[in-house]
């Protein structure tokens, strides 16, 4: 251990655990969460975990995402914001504008 610090290699050694999804798959999930948040629909913890589980099942991955994976996901992608369901309704009523509705409908037409 002393050797690592003396040679400058031990300062930035982190314990990195393997995640269930790959970095690219997690980026896709985070982009979806961020784009839906911009449209006025944020996700709660259980919804993001459910989406990750659906991705894992579709990809044939046997391990399920846990709350530890979720909090690691939030650290890796800080632009993803978690929304509490009770506050979401109040915030959605106050924050919805005509422009947001038009953008949402355009996104629906594109899909």
PDB file of N, CA and C in Angstrom:
ATOM      1  N   UNK A   1       0.823  -1.183   0.000  1.00  0.00           N
ATOM      2  CA  UNK A   1       0.000   0.000   0.000  1.00  0.00           C
ATOM      3  C   UNK A   1       0.871   1.251   0.000  1.00  0.00           C
ATOM      4  N   UNK A   2       1.931   1.244   0.806  1.00  0.00           N
ATOM      5  CA  UNK A   2       2.821   2.406   0.835  1.00  0.00           C
ATOM      6  C   UNK A   2       3.475   2.626  -0.524  1.00  0.00           C
ATOM      7  N   UNK A   3       3.807   1.514  -1.186  1.00  0.00           N
ATOM      8  CA  UNK A   3       4.424   1.624  -2.503  1.00  0.00           C
ATOM      9  C   UNK A   3       3.500   2.330  -3.486  1.00  0.00           C
ATOM     10  N   UNK A   4       2.212   2.006  -3.428  1.00  0.00           N
ATOM     11  CA  UNK A   4       1.246   2.636  -4.339  1.00  0.00           C
ATOM     12  C   UNK A   4       1.201   4.143  -4.136  1.00  0.00           C
ATOM     13  N   UNK A   5       1.147   4.569  -2.897  1.00  0.00           N
ATOM     14  CA  UNK A   5       1.087   6.003  -2.630  1.00  0.00           C
ATOM     15  C   UNK A   5       2.416   6.692  -2.931  1.00  0.00           C
ATOM     16  N   UNK A   6       3.502   6.001  -2.690  1.00  0.00           N
ATOM     17  CA  UNK A   6       4.816   6.585  -2.965  1.00  0.00           C
ATOM     18  C   UNK A   6       5.044   6.759  -4.462  1.00  0.00           C
ATOM     19  N   UNK A   7       4.495   5.868  -5.271  1.00  0.00           N
ATOM     20  CA  UNK A   7       4.671   5.948  -6.718  1.00  0.00           C
ATOM     21  C   UNK A   7       3.529   6.673  -7.417  1.00  0.00           C
ATOM     22  N   UNK A   8       2.583   7.178  -6.678  1.00  0.00           N
ATOM     23  CA  UNK A   8       1.510   7.967  -7.273  1.00  0.00           C
ATOM     24  C   UNK A   8       0.423   7.182  -7.966  1.00  0.00           C
ATOM     25  N   UNK A   9       0.394   5.876  -7.799  1.00  0.00           N
ATOM     26  CA  UNK A   9      -0.628   5.087  -8.479  1.00  0.00           C
ATOM     27  C   UNK A   9      -1.801   4.749  -7.581  1.00  0.00           C
ATOM     28  N   UNK A  10      -1.665   4.938  -6.289  1.00  0.00           N
ATOM     29  CA  UNK A  10      -2.713   4.535  -5.375  1.00  0.00           C
ATOM     30  C   UNK A  10      -3.688   5.628  -5.017  1.00  0.00           C
ATOM     31  N   UNK A  11      -3.442   6.831  -5.481  1.00  0.00           N
ATOM     32  CA  UNK A  11      -4.327   7.924  -5.107  1.00  0.00           C
ATOM     33  C   UNK A  11      -5.713   7.783  -5.716  1.00  0.00           C
ATOM     34  N   UNK A  12      -5.767   7.318  -6.938  1.00  0.00           N
ATOM     35  CA  UNK A  12      -7.028   7.326  -7.667  1.00  0.00           C
ATOM     36  C   UNK A  12      -7.520   5.920  -7.978  1.00  0.00           C
ATOM     37  N   UNK A  13      -7.285   5.009  -7.078  1.00  0.00           N
ATOM     38  CA  UNK A  13      -7.767   3.645  -7.248  1.00  0.00           C
ATOM     39  C   UNK A  13      -9.148   3.560  -6.620  1.00  0.00           C
ATOM     40  N   UNK A  14     -10.134   3.193  -7.408  1.00  0.00           N
ATOM     41  CA  UNK A  14     -11.509   3.092  -6.933  1.00  0.00           C
ATOM     42  C   UNK A  14     -11.995   1.660  -7.096  1.00  0.00           C
ATOM     43  N   UNK A  15     -12.886   1.281  -6.239  1.00  0.00           N
ATOM     44  CA  UNK A  15     -13.518  -0.023  -6.362  1.00  0.00           C
ATOM     45  C   UNK A  15     -14.658   0.123  -7.358  1.00  0.00           C
ATOM     46  N   UNK A  16     -14.495  -0.469  -8.502  1.00  0.00           N
ATOM     47  CA  UNK A  16     -15.534  -0.378  -9.519  1.00  0.00           C
ATOM     48  C   UNK A  16     -16.155  -1.745  -9.686  1.00  0.00           C
ATOM     49  N   UNK A  17     -17.425  -1.814  -9.433  1.00  0.00           N
ATOM     50  CA  UNK A  17     -18.134  -3.075  -9.571  1.00  0.00           C
ATOM     51  C   UNK A  17     -18.737  -3.145 -10.963  1.00  0.00           C
ATOM     52  N   UNK A  18     -18.897  -4.353 -11.425  1.00  0.00           N
ATOM     53  CA  UNK A  18     -19.509  -4.541 -12.730  1.00  0.00           C
ATOM     54  C   UNK A  18     -20.996  -4.232 -12.632  1.00  0.00           C
ATOM     55  N   UNK A  19     -21.510  -3.564 -13.633  1.00  0.00           N
ATOM     56  CA  UNK A  19     -22.929  -3.248 -13.643  1.00  0.00           C
ATOM     57  C   UNK A  19     -23.677  -4.300 -14.449  1.00  0.00           C
ATOM     58  N   UNK A  20     -24.968  -4.300 -14.293  1.00  0.00           N
ATOM     59  CA  UNK A  20     -25.795  -5.272 -14.999  1.00  0.00           C
ATOM     60  C   UNK A  20     -25.809  -4.968 -16.490  1.00  0.00           C
ATOM     61  N   UNK A  21     -26.003  -3.703 -16.817  1.00  0.00           N
ATOM     62  CA  UNK A  21     -26.028  -3.267 -18.210  1.00  0.00           C
ATOM     63  C   UNK A  21     -24.665  -2.698 -18.587  1.00  0.00           C
ATOM     64  N   UNK A  22     -24.371  -2.688 -19.871  1.00  0.00           N
ATOM     65  CA  UNK A  22     -23.124  -2.082 -20.329  1.00  0.00           C
ATOM     66  C   UNK A  22     -23.249  -0.567 -20.277  1.00  0.00           C
ATOM     67  N   UNK A  23     -22.140   0.103 -20.469  1.00  0.00           N
ATOM     68  CA  UNK A  23     -22.135   1.575 -20.436  1.00  0.00           C
ATOM     69  C   UNK A  23     -23.043   2.138 -21.529  1.00  0.00           C
ATOM     70  N   UNK A  24     -23.013   1.556 -22.713  1.00  0.00           N
ATOM     71  CA  UNK A  24     -23.842   2.034 -23.827  1.00  0.00           C
ATOM     72  C   UNK A  24     -25.320   1.842 -23.510  1.00  0.00           C
ATOM     73  N   UNK A  25     -25.672   0.699 -22.942  1.00  0.00           N
ATOM     74  CA  UNK A  25     -27.071   0.437 -22.597  1.00  0.00           C
ATOM     75  C   UNK A  25     -27.547   1.388 -21.508  1.00  0.00           C
ATOM     76  N   UNK A  26     -26.681   1.669 -20.540  1.00  0.00           N
ATOM     77  CA  UNK A  26     -27.048   2.629 -19.496  1.00  0.00           C
ATOM     78  C   UNK A  26     -27.190   4.035 -20.070  1.00  0.00           C
ATOM     79  N   UNK A  27     -26.368   4.388 -21.057  1.00  0.00           N
ATOM     80  CA  UNK A  27     -26.495   5.698 -21.699  1.00  0.00           C
ATOM     81  C   UNK A  27     -27.827   5.819 -22.419  1.00  0.00           C
ATOM     82  N   UNK A  28     -28.259   4.752 -23.069  1.00  0.00           N
ATOM     83  CA  UNK A  28     -29.557   4.764 -23.753  1.00  0.00           C
ATOM     84  C   UNK A  28     -30.674   4.975 -22.738  1.00  0.00           C
ATOM     85  N   UNK A  29     -30.603   4.278 -21.617  1.00  0.00           N
ATOM     86  CA  UNK A  29     -31.613   4.428 -20.572  1.00  0.00           C
ATOM     87  C   UNK A  29     -31.603   5.840 -20.000  1.00  0.00           C
ATOM     88  N   UNK A  30     -30.421   6.388 -19.769  1.00  0.00           N
ATOM     89  CA  UNK A  30     -30.345   7.743 -19.207  1.00  0.00           C
ATOM     90  C   UNK A  30     -30.854   8.777 -20.197  1.00  0.00           C
ATOM     91  N   UNK A  31     -30.543   8.614 -21.483  1.00  0.00           N
ATOM     92  CA  UNK A  31     -31.046   9.548 -22.494  1.00  0.00           C
ATOM     93  C   UNK A  31     -32.566   9.508 -22.561  1.00  0.00           C
ATOM     94  N   UNK A  32     -33.136   8.317 -22.431  1.00  0.00           N
ATOM     95  CA  UNK A  32     -34.596   8.201 -22.436  1.00  0.00           C
ATOM     96  C   UNK A  32     -35.200   8.913 -21.226  1.00  0.00           C
ATOM     97  N   UNK A  33     -34.600   8.718 -20.068  1.00  0.00           N
ATOM     98  CA  UNK A  33     -35.106   9.365 -18.850  1.00  0.00           C
ATOM     99  C   UNK A  33     -35.018  10.881 -18.952  1.00  0.00           C
ATOM    100  N   UNK A  34     -33.907  11.377 -19.476  1.00  0.00           N
ATOM    101  CA  UNK A  34     -33.725  12.825 -19.601  1.00  0.00           C
ATOM    102  C   UNK A  34     -34.682  13.401 -20.637  1.00  0.00           C
ATOM    103  N   UNK A  35     -34.850  12.721 -21.773  1.00  0.00           N
ATOM    104  CA  UNK A  35     -35.751  13.243 -22.807  1.00  0.00           C
ATOM    105  C   UNK A  35     -37.199  13.245 -22.328  1.00  0.00           C
ATOM    106  N   UNK A  36     -37.597  12.228 -21.577  1.00  0.00           N
ATOM    107  CA  UNK A  36     -38.962  12.215 -21.048  1.00  0.00           C
ATOM    108  C   UNK A  36     -39.147  13.283 -19.975  1.00  0.00           C
ATOM    109  N   UNK A  37     -38.099  13.569 -19.210  1.00  0.00           N
ATOM    110  CA  UNK A  37     -38.177  14.631 -18.202  1.00  0.00           C
ATOM    111  C   UNK A  37     -38.338  15.987 -18.873  1.00  0.00           C
ATOM    112  N   UNK A  38     -37.692  16.182 -20.028  1.00  0.00           N
ATOM    113  CA  UNK A  38     -37.850  17.438 -20.761  1.00  0.00           C
ATOM    114  C   UNK A  38     -39.268  17.588 -21.312  1.00  0.00           C
ATOM    115  N   UNK A  39     -39.923  16.461 -21.561  1.00  0.00           N
ATOM    116  CA  UNK A  39     -41.306  16.505 -22.038  1.00  0.00           C
ATOM    117  C   UNK A  39     -42.303  16.642 -20.896  1.00  0.00           C
ATOM    118  N   UNK A  40     -41.810  16.633 -19.662  1.00  0.00           N
ATOM    119  CA  UNK A  40     -42.680  16.833 -18.513  1.00  0.00           C
ATOM    120  C   UNK A  40     -43.054  15.564 -17.781  1.00  0.00           C
ATOM    121  N   UNK A  41     -42.410  14.452 -18.112  1.00  0.00           N
ATOM    122  CA  UNK A  41     -42.721  13.202 -17.439  1.00  0.00           C
ATOM    123  C   UNK A  41     -41.447  12.643 -16.821  1.00  0.00           C
ATOM    124  N   UNK A  42     -41.286  12.835 -15.534  1.00  0.00           N
ATOM    125  CA  UNK A  42     -40.130  12.294 -14.824  1.00  0.00           C
ATOM    126  C   UNK A  42     -40.449  10.921 -14.274  1.00  0.00           C
ATOM    127  N   UNK A  43     -39.426  10.158 -13.996  1.00  0.00           N
ATOM    128  CA  UNK A  43     -39.600   8.801 -13.504  1.00  0.00           C
ATOM    129  C   UNK A  43     -39.190   8.703 -12.040  1.00  0.00           C
ATOM    130  N   UNK A  44     -39.849   7.829 -11.310  1.00  0.00           N
ATOM    131  CA  UNK A  44     -39.466   7.546  -9.927  1.00  0.00           C
ATOM    132  C   UNK A  44     -38.455   6.396  -9.921  1.00  0.00           C
ATOM    133  N   UNK A  45     -37.947   6.064  -8.743  1.00  0.00           N
ATOM    134  CA  UNK A  45     -36.935   5.016  -8.633  1.00  0.00           C
ATOM    135  C   UNK A  45     -37.459   3.683  -9.143  1.00  0.00           C
ATOM    136  N   UNK A  46     -38.654   3.320  -8.736  1.00  0.00           N
ATOM    137  CA  UNK A  46     -39.160   2.007  -9.128  1.00  0.00           C
ATOM    138  C   UNK A  46     -39.417   1.940 -10.630  1.00  0.00           C
ATOM    139  N   UNK A  47     -39.765   3.069 -11.265  1.00  0.00           N
ATOM    140  CA  UNK A  47     -39.986   3.059 -12.710  1.00  0.00           C
ATOM    141  C   UNK A  47     -38.676   2.871 -13.473  1.00  0.00           C
ATOM    142  N   UNK A  48     -37.608   3.525 -13.009  1.00  0.00           N
ATOM    143  CA  UNK A  48     -36.307   3.357 -13.660  1.00  0.00           C
ATOM    144  C   UNK A  48     -35.797   1.934 -13.449  1.00  0.00           C
ATOM    145  N   UNK A  49     -35.989   1.395 -12.245  1.00  0.00           N
ATOM    146  CA  UNK A  49     -35.597   0.006 -11.996  1.00  0.00           C
ATOM    147  C   UNK A  49     -36.395  -0.959 -12.865  1.00  0.00           C
ATOM    148  N   UNK A  50     -37.671  -0.672 -13.072  1.00  0.00           N
ATOM    149  CA  UNK A  50     -38.509  -1.517 -13.908  1.00  0.00           C
ATOM    150  C   UNK A  50     -38.053  -1.461 -15.366  1.00  0.00           C
ATOM    151  N   UNK A  51     -37.707  -0.265 -15.851  1.00  0.00           N
ATOM    152  CA  UNK A  51     -37.201  -0.150 -17.224  1.00  0.00           C
ATOM    153  C   UNK A  51     -35.879  -0.896 -17.377  1.00  0.00           C
ATOM    154  N   UNK A  52     -35.005  -0.795 -16.379  1.00  0.00           N
ATOM    155  CA  UNK A  52     -33.724  -1.509 -16.429  1.00  0.00           C
ATOM    156  C   UNK A  52     -33.948  -3.019 -16.404  1.00  0.00           C
ATOM    157  N   UNK A  53     -34.912  -3.467 -15.621  1.00  0.00           N
ATOM    158  CA  UNK A  53     -35.233  -4.894 -15.579  1.00  0.00           C
ATOM    159  C   UNK A  53     -35.765  -5.361 -16.928  1.00  0.00           C
ATOM    160  N   UNK A  54     -36.638  -4.567 -17.545  1.00  0.00           N
ATOM    161  CA  UNK A  54     -37.164  -4.925 -18.863  1.00  0.00           C
ATOM    162  C   UNK A  54     -36.048  -4.999 -19.900  1.00  0.00           C
ATOM    163  N   UNK A  55     -35.094  -4.059 -19.833  1.00  0.00           N
ATOM    164  CA  UNK A  55     -33.950  -4.106 -20.749  1.00  0.00           C
ATOM    165  C   UNK A  55     -33.124  -5.366 -20.507  1.00  0.00           C
ATOM    166  N   UNK A  56     -32.896  -5.698 -19.244  1.00  0.00           N
ATOM    167  CA  UNK A  56     -32.090  -6.873 -18.912  1.00  0.00           C
ATOM    168  C   UNK A  56     -32.764  -8.155 -19.401  1.00  0.00           C
ATOM    169  N   UNK A  57     -34.066  -8.255 -19.220  1.00  0.00           N
ATOM    170  CA  UNK A  57     -34.797  -9.444 -19.673  1.00  0.00           C
ATOM    171  C   UNK A  57     -34.748  -9.541 -21.193  1.00  0.00           C
ATOM    172  N   UNK A  58     -34.932  -8.408 -21.878  1.00  0.00           N
ATOM    173  CA  UNK A  58     -34.900  -8.404 -23.338  1.00  0.00           C
ATOM    174  C   UNK A  58     -33.520  -8.783 -23.876  1.00  0.00           C
ATOM    175  N   UNK A  59     -32.475  -8.445 -23.131  1.00  0.00           N
ATOM    176  CA  UNK A  59     -31.107  -8.753 -23.558  1.00  0.00           C
ATOM    177  C   UNK A  59     -30.627 -10.117 -23.069  1.00  0.00           C
ATOM    178  N   UNK A  60     -31.458 -10.813 -22.302  1.00  0.00           N
ATOM    179  CA  UNK A  60     -31.099 -12.137 -21.812  1.00  0.00           C
ATOM    180  C   UNK A  60     -30.175 -12.124 -20.609  1.00  0.00           C
ATOM    181  N   UNK A  61     -30.183 -11.030 -19.856  1.00  0.00           N
ATOM    182  CA  UNK A  61     -29.349 -10.912 -18.661  1.00  0.00           C
ATOM    183  C   UNK A  61     -30.149 -11.429 -17.473  1.00  0.00           C
ATOM    184  N   UNK A  62     -29.560 -12.330 -16.703  1.00  0.00           N
ATOM    185  CA  UNK A  62     -30.298 -12.972 -15.617  1.00  0.00           C
ATOM    186  C   UNK A  62     -30.349 -12.143 -14.342  1.00  0.00           C
ATOM    187  N   UNK A  63     -29.342 -11.321 -14.089  1.00  0.00           N
ATOM    188  CA  UNK A  63     -29.314 -10.530 -12.858  1.00  0.00           C
ATOM    189  C   UNK A  63     -30.314  -9.385 -12.926  1.00  0.00           C
ATOM    190  N   UNK A  64     -30.926  -9.108 -11.788  1.00  0.00           N
ATOM    191  CA  UNK A  64     -31.882  -8.005 -11.715  1.00  0.00           C
ATOM    192  C   UNK A  64     -31.214  -6.772 -11.129  1.00  0.00           C
ATOM    193  N   UNK A  65     -31.604  -5.587 -11.599  1.00  0.00           N
ATOM    194  CA  UNK A  65     -31.051  -4.368 -11.003  1.00  0.00           C
ATOM    195  C   UNK A  65     -31.610  -4.165  -9.596  1.00  0.00           C
ATOM    196  N   UNK A  66     -30.767  -3.695  -8.704  1.00  0.00           N
ATOM    197  CA  UNK A  66     -31.162  -3.451  -7.321  1.00  0.00           C
ATOM    198  C   UNK A  66     -31.080  -1.964  -7.031  1.00  0.00           C
ATOM    199  N   UNK A  67     -31.424  -1.598  -5.803  1.00  0.00           N
ATOM    200  CA  UNK A  67     -31.328  -0.186  -5.445  1.00  0.00           C
ATOM    201  C   UNK A  67     -29.875   0.267  -5.434  1.00  0.00           C
ATOM    202  N   UNK A  68     -28.941  -0.635  -5.180  1.00  0.00           N
ATOM    203  CA  UNK A  68     -27.521  -0.284  -5.230  1.00  0.00           C
ATOM    204  C   UNK A  68     -27.113   0.051  -6.667  1.00  0.00           C
ATOM    205  N   UNK A  69     -27.605  -0.734  -7.629  1.00  0.00           N
ATOM    206  CA  UNK A  69     -27.352  -0.420  -9.033  1.00  0.00           C
ATOM    207  C   UNK A  69     -27.947   0.940  -9.370  1.00  0.00           C
ATOM    208  N   UNK A  70     -29.160   1.198  -8.876  1.00  0.00           N
ATOM    209  CA  UNK A  70     -29.847   2.451  -9.181  1.00  0.00           C
ATOM    210  C   UNK A  70     -29.053   3.661  -8.700  1.00  0.00           C
ATOM    211  N   UNK A  71     -28.572   3.623  -7.461  1.00  0.00           N
ATOM    212  CA  UNK A  71     -27.828   4.767  -6.939  1.00  0.00           C
ATOM    213  C   UNK A  71     -26.472   4.913  -7.632  1.00  0.00           C
ATOM    214  N   UNK A  72     -25.879   3.814  -8.050  1.00  0.00           N
ATOM    215  CA  UNK A  72     -24.675   3.893  -8.872  1.00  0.00           C
ATOM    216  C   UNK A  72     -24.975   4.498 -10.230  1.00  0.00           C
ATOM    217  N   UNK A  73     -26.144   4.148 -10.781  1.00  0.00           N
ATOM    218  CA  UNK A  73     -26.594   4.709 -12.063  1.00  0.00           C
ATOM    219  C   UNK A  73     -26.755   6.221 -11.950  1.00  0.00           C
ATOM    220  N   UNK A  74     -27.333   6.691 -10.852  1.00  0.00           N
ATOM    221  CA  UNK A  74     -27.486   8.133 -10.649  1.00  0.00           C
ATOM    222  C   UNK A  74     -26.135   8.827 -10.514  1.00  0.00           C
ATOM    223  N   UNK A  75     -25.158   8.157  -9.915  1.00  0.00           N
ATOM    224  CA  UNK A  75     -23.821   8.752  -9.805  1.00  0.00           C
ATOM    225  C   UNK A  75     -23.131   8.800 -11.162  1.00  0.00           C
ATOM    226  N   UNK A  76     -23.337   7.757 -11.977  1.00  0.00           N
ATOM    227  CA  UNK A  76     -22.706   7.732 -13.294  1.00  0.00           C
ATOM    228  C   UNK A  76     -23.364   8.706 -14.259  1.00  0.00           C
ATOM    229  N   UNK A  77     -24.655   8.968 -14.073  1.00  0.00           N
ATOM    230  CA  UNK A  77     -25.397   9.875 -14.950  1.00  0.00           C
ATOM    231  C   UNK A  77     -26.113  10.909 -14.089  1.00  0.00           C
ATOM    232  N   UNK A  78     -25.417  11.953 -13.676  1.00  0.00           N
ATOM    233  CA  UNK A  78     -26.013  12.937 -12.761  1.00  0.00           C
ATOM    234  C   UNK A  78     -27.122  13.781 -13.384  1.00  0.00           C
ATOM    235  N   UNK A  79     -27.251  13.760 -14.716  1.00  0.00           N
ATOM    236  CA  UNK A  79     -28.319  14.537 -15.338  1.00  0.00           C
ATOM    237  C   UNK A  79     -29.675  13.855 -15.228  1.00  0.00           C
ATOM    238  N   UNK A  80     -29.708  12.597 -14.790  1.00  0.00           N
ATOM    239  CA  UNK A  80     -30.972  11.896 -14.557  1.00  0.00           C
ATOM    240  C   UNK A  80     -31.476  12.300 -13.180  1.00  0.00           C
ATOM    241  N   UNK A  81     -32.680  12.821 -13.140  1.00  0.00           N
ATOM    242  CA  UNK A  81     -33.271  13.253 -11.877  1.00  0.00           C
ATOM    243  C   UNK A  81     -34.401  12.320 -11.498  1.00  0.00           C
ATOM    244  N   UNK A  82     -34.452  11.977 -10.228  1.00  0.00           N
ATOM    245  CA  UNK A  82     -35.522  11.135  -9.727  1.00  0.00           C
ATOM    246  C   UNK A  82     -36.665  12.027  -9.269  1.00  0.00           C
ATOM    247  N   UNK A  83     -37.887  11.635  -9.587  1.00  0.00           N
ATOM    248  CA  UNK A  83     -39.063  12.420  -9.236  1.00  0.00           C
ATOM    249  C   UNK A  83     -39.931  11.589  -8.308  1.00  0.00           C
ATOM    250  N   UNK A  84     -40.386  12.204  -7.240  1.00  0.00           N
ATOM    251  CA  UNK A  84     -41.297  11.519  -6.326  1.00  0.00           C
ATOM    252  C   UNK A  84     -42.712  11.634  -6.883  1.00  0.00           C
ATOM    253  N   UNK A  85     -43.485  10.551  -6.904  1.00  0.00           N
ATOM    254  CA  UNK A  85     -44.799  10.566  -7.534  1.00  0.00           C
ATOM    255  C   UNK A  85     -45.759  11.613  -6.983  1.00  0.00           C
ATOM    256  N   UNK A  86     -45.786  11.840  -5.685  1.00  0.00           N
ATOM    257  CA  UNK A  86     -46.738  12.808  -5.129  1.00  0.00           C
ATOM    258  C   UNK A  86     -46.411  14.225  -5.593  1.00  0.00           C
ATOM    259  N   UNK A  87     -45.149  14.568  -5.632  1.00  0.00           N
ATOM    260  CA  UNK A  87     -44.755  15.896  -6.065  1.00  0.00           C
ATOM    261  C   UNK A  87     -44.885  16.056  -7.570  1.00  0.00           C
ATOM    262  N   UNK A  88     -44.794  14.955  -8.290  1.00  0.00           N
ATOM    263  CA  UNK A  88     -44.830  15.023  -9.740  1.00  0.00           C
ATOM    264  C   UNK A  88     -46.146  15.605 -10.234  1.00  0.00           C
ATOM    265  N   UNK A  89     -47.250  15.223  -9.641  1.00  0.00           N
ATOM    266  CA  UNK A  89     -48.549  15.719 -10.083  1.00  0.00           C
ATOM    267  C   UNK A  89     -48.651  17.226  -9.913  1.00  0.00           C
ATOM    268  N   UNK A  90     -48.225  17.730  -8.766  1.00  0.00           N
ATOM    269  CA  UNK A  90     -48.277  19.171  -8.533  1.00  0.00           C
ATOM    270  C   UNK A  90     -47.336  19.905  -9.470  1.00  0.00           C
ATOM    271  N   UNK A  91     -46.149  19.376  -9.629  1.00  0.00           N
ATOM    272  CA  UNK A  91     -45.171  20.025 -10.495  1.00  0.00           C
ATOM    273  C   UNK A  91     -45.617  19.966 -11.950  1.00  0.00           C
ATOM    274  N   UNK A  92     -46.228  18.875 -12.342  1.00  0.00           N
ATOM    275  CA  UNK A  92     -46.671  18.732 -13.726  1.00  0.00           C
ATOM    276  C   UNK A  92     -47.783  19.733 -14.032  1.00  0.00           C
ATOM    277  N   UNK A  93     -48.714  19.917 -13.095  1.00  0.00           N
ATOM    278  CA  UNK A  93     -49.792  20.877 -13.313  1.00  0.00           C
ATOM    279  C   UNK A  93     -49.260  22.294 -13.456  1.00  0.00           C
ATOM    280  N   UNK A  94     -48.281  22.634 -12.646  1.00  0.00           N
ATOM    281  CA  UNK A  94     -47.742  23.994 -12.672  1.00  0.00           C
ATOM    282  C   UNK A  94     -46.779  24.209 -13.830  1.00  0.00           C
ATOM    283  N   UNK A  95     -46.092  23.169 -14.264  1.00  0.00           N
ATOM    284  CA  UNK A  95     -45.021  23.340 -15.242  1.00  0.00           C
ATOM    285  C   UNK A  95     -45.437  23.086 -16.686  1.00  0.00           C
ATOM    286  N   UNK A  96     -46.600  22.526 -16.923  1.00  0.00           N
ATOM    287  CA  UNK A  96     -47.002  22.200 -18.286  1.00  0.00           C
ATOM    288  C   UNK A  96     -47.408  23.468 -19.027  1.00  0.00           C
ATOM    289  N   UNK A  97     -46.795  23.645 -20.184  1.00  0.00           N
ATOM    290  CA  UNK A  97     -47.120  24.785 -21.037  1.00  0.00           C
ATOM    291  C   UNK A  97     -47.626  24.271 -22.378  1.00  0.00           C
ATOM    292  N   UNK A  98     -48.179  25.169 -23.164  1.00  0.00           N
ATOM    293  CA  UNK A  98     -48.653  24.776 -24.493  1.00  0.00           C
ATOM    294  C   UNK A  98     -47.504  24.268 -25.358  1.00  0.00           C
ATOM    295  N   UNK A  99     -46.341  24.883 -25.218  1.00  0.00           N
ATOM    296  CA  UNK A  99     -45.179  24.464 -26.004  1.00  0.00           C
ATOM    297  C   UNK A  99     -44.759  23.042 -25.647  1.00  0.00           C
ATOM    298  N   UNK A 100     -44.813  22.698 -24.371  1.00  0.00           N
ATOM    299  CA  UNK A 100     -44.458  21.342 -23.950  1.00  0.00           C
ATOM    300  C   UNK A 100     -45.439  20.325 -24.521  1.00  0.00           C
ATOM    301  N   UNK A 101     -46.705  20.664 -24.538  1.00  0.00           N
ATOM    302  CA  UNK A 101     -47.711  19.748 -25.090  1.00  0.00           C
ATOM    303  C   UNK A 101     -47.492  19.566 -26.582  1.00  0.00           C
ATOM    304  N   UNK A 102     -47.185  20.652 -27.288  1.00  0.00           N
ATOM    305  CA  UNK A 102     -46.919  20.553 -28.727  1.00  0.00           C
ATOM    306  C   UNK A 102     -45.696  19.685 -28.995  1.00  0.00           C
ATOM    307  N   UNK A 103     -44.636  19.873 -28.210  1.00  0.00           N
ATOM    308  CA  UNK A 103     -43.433  19.045 -28.374  1.00  0.00           C
ATOM    309  C   UNK A 103     -43.731  17.580 -28.098  1.00  0.00           C
ATOM    310  N   UNK A 104     -44.540  17.321 -27.083  1.00  0.00           N
ATOM    311  CA  UNK A 104     -44.901  15.949 -26.748  1.00  0.00           C
ATOM    312  C   UNK A 104     -45.687  15.300 -27.887  1.00  0.00           C
ATOM    313  N   UNK A 105     -46.628  16.037 -28.448  1.00  0.00           N
ATOM    314  CA  UNK A 105     -47.416  15.490 -29.552  1.00  0.00           C
ATOM    315  C   UNK A 105     -46.554  15.266 -30.792  1.00  0.00           C
ATOM    316  N   UNK A 106     -45.588  16.153 -31.036  1.00  0.00           N
ATOM    317  CA  UNK A 106     -44.667  15.952 -32.162  1.00  0.00           C
ATOM    318  C   UNK A 106     -43.845  14.685 -31.962  1.00  0.00           C
ATOM    319  N   UNK A 107     -43.389  14.453 -30.734  1.00  0.00           N
ATOM    320  CA  UNK A 107     -42.623  13.244 -30.443  1.00  0.00           C
ATOM    321  C   UNK A 107     -43.474  11.991 -30.650  1.00  0.00           C
ATOM    322  N   UNK A 108     -44.749  12.068 -30.298  1.00  0.00           N
ATOM    323  CA  UNK A 108     -45.634  10.922 -30.512  1.00  0.00           C
ATOM    324  C   UNK A 108     -45.836  10.653 -31.994  1.00  0.00           C
ATOM    325  N   UNK A 109     -45.934  11.710 -32.791  1.00  0.00           N
ATOM    326  CA  UNK A 109     -46.119  11.534 -34.230  1.00  0.00           C
ATOM    327  C   UNK A 109     -44.887  10.912 -34.879  1.00  0.00           C
ATOM    328  N   UNK A 110     -43.701  11.223 -34.358  1.00  0.00           N
ATOM    329  CA  UNK A 110     -42.467  10.692 -34.934  1.00  0.00           C
ATOM    330  C   UNK A 110     -42.283   9.212 -34.642  1.00  0.00           C
ATOM    331  N   UNK A 111     -42.895   8.727 -33.564  1.00  0.00           N
ATOM    332  CA  UNK A 111     -42.708   7.312 -33.216  1.00  0.00           C
ATOM    333  C   UNK A 111     -43.749   6.428 -33.816  1.00  0.00           C
TER     334      UNK A 111
END
